[in-house]
Amino acid sequence: MSAHTHENLHIPRGPLLGGVALICATLLTVATVRLSGVDISSESRAPVMAERMLQFVDRADGSIEVREGTRVVRTIPTGQENFVRGALRALARERRLAQVGPQPPFRLTAHADGRLTLSDPSTGRRVDLESFGPGNSALFARLLVTADDTQAAAR
């Protein structure tokens, strides 16, 4: 058994210099963006078209009650709208980590550019719902329309 020493280690100069150049270019790009003040967030700057503050309350039968204040907006039956359930689970996990209870409402916002977001003001987390496709985001978009809105449109 022979002992390997650092003298036997040979790293080709080209790839090593390429790696160093890539790291330097990445750091320079990040520093330039940070210092220039350019906003690279995915948050929509388009005007808000509709917004609701909603609570999602788990019921004993497995359904989810959607409330705005003290008023029940709708009930999601057990086993339905799994995307809604998954998005809420992700935000609820963040609340548990931040030691925030289920009481504060979530903000559901529709923007003029077509973006639909579900955000949690208590943790600062946000889910861009349109990224999950039109079918999934439509499940949340329905929560922006109330029975009162539907009746007013019919008049």
Protein backbone atom coordinates (compact mmCIF):
# COMPACT_ATOMS: atom_id res chain seq x y z
CA MET A 1 0.00 0.00 0.00
CA SER A 2 1.50 3.28 -1.02
CA ALA A 3 0.72 6.58 0.62
CA HIS A 4 -0.55 9.30 -1.69
CA THR A 5 0.91 12.70 -1.17
CA HIS A 6 -0.20 16.08 -2.39
CA GLU A 7 2.72 16.00 -4.81
CA ASN A 8 0.89 13.34 -6.86
CA LEU A 9 -2.26 15.45 -7.14
CA HIS A 10 -2.47 17.28 -10.46
CA ILE A 11 -5.39 19.57 -11.32
CA PRO A 12 -5.44 20.74 -14.92
CA ARG A 13 -4.88 24.49 -15.10
CA GLY A 14 -7.66 25.25 -17.66
CA PRO A 15 -10.65 23.88 -15.69
CA LEU A 16 -9.28 25.35 -12.47
CA LEU A 17 -9.03 28.83 -14.00
CA GLY A 18 -12.49 28.38 -15.57
CA GLY A 19 -13.99 27.54 -12.18
CA VAL A 20 -12.34 30.54 -10.52
CA ALA A 21 -13.57 32.80 -13.35
CA LEU A 22 -17.14 31.45 -12.98
CA ILE A 23 -17.14 32.09 -9.22
CA CYS A 24 -15.77 35.62 -9.71
CA ALA A 25 -18.35 36.39 -12.43
CA THR A 26 -21.17 35.17 -10.17
CA LEU A 27 -20.01 37.28 -7.24
CA LEU A 28 -19.58 40.32 -9.47
CA THR A 29 -23.09 39.91 -10.94
CA VAL A 30 -24.70 39.51 -7.51
CA ALA A 31 -22.83 42.53 -6.15
CA THR A 32 -23.82 44.65 -9.17
CA VAL A 33 -27.52 43.77 -8.83
CA ARG A 34 -27.52 44.33 -5.06
CA LEU A 35 -25.71 47.67 -5.25
CA SER A 36 -27.71 48.98 -8.22
CA GLY A 37 -30.99 48.69 -6.33
CA VAL A 38 -32.69 46.76 -9.15
CA ASP A 39 -35.77 44.94 -7.88
CA ILE A 40 -35.52 41.30 -8.94
CA SER A 41 -38.38 39.98 -6.82
CA SER A 42 -41.23 38.11 -8.44
CA GLU A 43 -43.78 40.21 -6.56
CA SER A 44 -46.27 41.87 -8.89
CA ARG A 45 -46.21 45.65 -9.13
CA ALA A 46 -49.48 45.70 -11.11
CA PRO A 47 -52.54 47.31 -9.51
CA VAL A 48 -54.60 45.16 -7.16
CA MET A 49 -57.91 44.20 -8.75
CA ALA A 50 -59.34 42.22 -5.84
CA GLU A 51 -58.16 41.31 -2.38
CA ARG A 52 -59.61 39.42 0.56
CA MET A 53 -58.37 38.56 4.01
CA LEU A 54 -59.38 34.95 4.59
CA GLN A 55 -59.11 32.43 7.40
CA PHE A 56 -59.09 28.72 6.63
CA VAL A 57 -60.49 26.67 9.50
CA ASP A 58 -60.17 22.88 9.65
CA ARG A 59 -63.41 21.22 10.67
CA ALA A 60 -63.80 17.91 12.49
CA ASP A 61 -65.23 16.20 9.38
CA GLY A 62 -62.10 17.04 7.32
CA SER A 63 -63.66 19.92 5.42
CA ILE A 64 -62.19 23.42 5.43
CA GLU A 65 -64.29 26.43 6.27
CA VAL A 66 -63.22 29.61 4.48
CA ARG A 67 -64.07 32.73 6.49
CA GLU A 68 -63.83 36.43 5.95
CA GLY A 69 -64.14 37.91 9.40
CA THR A 70 -67.05 36.12 11.04
CA ARG A 71 -68.79 35.28 7.75
CA VAL A 72 -68.34 31.85 6.12
CA VAL A 73 -67.46 32.43 2.44
CA ARG A 74 -67.57 28.76 1.50
CA THR A 75 -66.76 25.29 2.70
CA ILE A 76 -64.31 23.02 0.90
CA PRO A 77 -65.59 19.46 1.24
CA THR A 78 -63.38 16.64 2.53
CA GLY A 79 -61.06 15.24 -0.13
CA GLN A 80 -61.64 18.01 -2.67
CA GLU A 81 -59.44 20.83 -3.94
CA ASN A 82 -56.19 19.20 -2.91
CA PHE A 83 -54.10 22.03 -4.35
CA VAL A 84 -55.76 24.46 -1.93
CA ARG A 85 -55.06 22.06 0.92
CA GLY A 86 -51.41 21.68 -0.11
CA ALA A 87 -50.81 25.44 -0.38
CA LEU A 88 -52.40 25.97 3.02
CA ARG A 89 -50.31 23.17 4.56
CA ALA A 90 -47.11 24.84 3.31
CA LEU A 91 -48.10 28.20 4.79
CA ALA A 92 -49.29 26.55 8.03
CA ARG A 93 -45.89 24.87 8.36
CA GLU A 94 -44.20 28.28 8.12
CA ARG A 95 -46.57 29.56 10.82
CA ARG A 96 -45.66 26.68 13.12
CA LEU A 97 -41.95 27.39 12.63
CA ALA A 98 -42.55 31.09 13.38
CA GLN A 99 -44.77 30.14 16.34
CA VAL A 100 -47.78 31.91 14.86
CA GLY A 101 -51.22 30.44 15.50
CA PRO A 102 -53.98 29.86 12.94
CA GLN A 103 -55.95 33.01 13.85
CA PRO A 104 -54.39 35.68 11.58
CA PRO A 105 -56.00 35.71 8.13
CA PHE A 106 -54.19 35.10 4.86
CA ARG A 107 -54.28 37.68 2.06
CA LEU A 108 -55.57 36.50 -1.32
CA THR A 109 -54.76 39.06 -4.02
CA ALA A 110 -55.53 39.29 -7.75
CA HIS A 111 -53.44 41.75 -9.76
CA ALA A 112 -54.19 43.44 -13.09
CA ASP A 113 -51.35 41.51 -14.76
CA GLY A 114 -53.11 38.19 -14.02
CA ARG A 115 -51.04 37.24 -11.01
CA LEU A 116 -52.81 35.66 -8.09
CA THR A 117 -51.02 35.42 -4.76
CA LEU A 118 -51.78 33.94 -1.38
CA SER A 119 -49.67 35.59 1.28
CA ASP A 120 -49.33 35.35 5.01
CA PRO A 121 -48.78 38.81 6.53
CA SER A 122 -47.79 37.21 9.85
CA THR A 123 -44.77 35.34 8.38
CA GLY A 124 -44.09 37.30 5.19
CA ARG A 125 -44.42 34.16 3.05
CA ARG A 126 -46.14 34.27 -0.34
CA VAL A 127 -47.29 31.69 -2.87
CA ASP A 128 -47.56 32.81 -6.51
CA LEU A 129 -50.57 30.70 -7.42
CA GLU A 130 -50.52 31.28 -11.19
CA SER A 131 -47.20 29.40 -11.33
CA PHE A 132 -49.10 26.18 -10.66
CA GLY A 133 -51.29 26.47 -13.75
CA PRO A 134 -54.68 27.94 -14.51
CA GLY A 135 -56.69 25.06 -13.07
CA ASN A 136 -55.02 25.25 -9.68
CA SER A 137 -55.05 29.04 -9.45
CA ALA A 138 -58.75 29.04 -10.45
CA LEU A 139 -59.53 27.18 -7.21
CA PHE A 140 -58.27 30.20 -5.28
CA ALA A 141 -59.70 32.74 -7.75
CA ARG A 142 -63.18 31.45 -6.90
CA LEU A 143 -62.62 32.60 -3.33
CA LEU A 144 -62.34 36.19 -4.54
CA VAL A 145 -65.93 36.15 -5.81
CA THR A 146 -68.59 36.20 -3.11
CA ALA A 147 -72.25 35.27 -3.35
CA ASP A 148 -73.00 38.99 -2.95
CA ASP A 149 -70.79 39.78 -5.96
CA THR A 150 -72.56 37.13 -8.04
CA GLN A 151 -75.99 38.46 -7.13
CA ALA A 152 -74.96 42.06 -7.89
CA ALA A 153 -73.64 41.05 -11.32
CA ALA A 154 -76.94 39.31 -12.12
CA ARG A 155 -78.95 42.48 -11.46
